[in-house]
Amino acid sequence: MTGSSPSRTRTSHRGACVRKRRPRSSRGYFAASAALAGAAVLLLHGYLSRAAASAPPVGPTVAVAVAAEPIDRGTAVAGSQLRLVRIPQQYVPPGAIEDISKAAGRVLLAGLSPGEVVTETRLARVRAGPVASLVPRGLRAFAVPTSLVRGAVIPGDRVDILATFGSGQPHTEMVVESVEVLMVLSSDGSQHGKSGVELDAEAAGASAPTMLILLVAPDQEERLAYARAFASLEVTIVPSE
C-alpha cells in the first residue's frame, strides 16, 4: 500500500478549496451585474419621464395648405400644386391658408419649396394686374430703359442706376443701388426670364431695346422719375453674392 505524499495532499486540498469558493464568487458577480442593470433601467426611466414632462403639449392640429412641389415666384398657383397637411395649431404661421381654393389662381409673390405653408403674405391680391400681382407690399414697379444686350439681365438680378446730367455742371451720380429686376421686356415684344405672367412689351411702351421693370421704394421712385426726366440713365449689374 503506497501512501500519498504531503505535498500532493496539500495540492488536492487547495484545489478543493478553490472549487468550493468559485460558486460564491460567480453568484456575487451576477448579483452585482443585476443590481447595476436595474439601476440603469431606473435611471433611464426617470430621464424619459422628466423629458416627457418637460416637453410642451402638442395640442390640437389644424389643416393648412402647403406646396406639393417647387413653385416659382410669379406663378399663378394651381390647386394641383398644393396639398393639405395637419400641423399643431401652435406652429401654424400667421395668415396660413386653410382652404386650397383660397389660393388657387392667385400669383405668388415669393417662391415656395415643397412642404412650405402658403400664407396670405406670399400671395398677390385676388384681383391684380400682371405686374401689380408681383409687387410686394410697400414697393413700386418702375420702368427703366437700358441699352444692355438681350439676356444680360434676368428677373431676380440686382442693378445700380446711374444718372448723367448734361446741363449746368455736367456730372454723374448714383440714383439707386442694388434694386431688384422684376421683369425684362424687349421692344420686339418678348419677355425674358421666369415671371409666370404674359405681358406685351410693345404695348407696354418698351421703345428702348430693353426695358427693365424694377422693384423700388417710394423715395427711390421719386429720384428715378427726376433722373429719367432730366438725365441720361445707365444700368450697371451688381455681382451675385
Foldseek 3Di string as FASTA:
>chain_A
DDDDDPVVVVVVVVVVVVVVCVVVVVVVVVVVVVVVVVVVVVVVVVVVVVVVVPDDDLAFKAKFKAAQAKDAAQAQDALVRIDIDIGRPVPDDPQFHRDSVVRHRWGFLHIHHGPHTDGPQRTADPDDDSVNRNAHPQKDKDKDAEQDDPPPDEFFFFKWKKWFFDPDDTDIDTLDGGWTFQWKAACVQDTDYDNNDHDRRVVVPRPHRMMTTTIGGPVSNVSVVVRVVGTDMYMDTDDDD
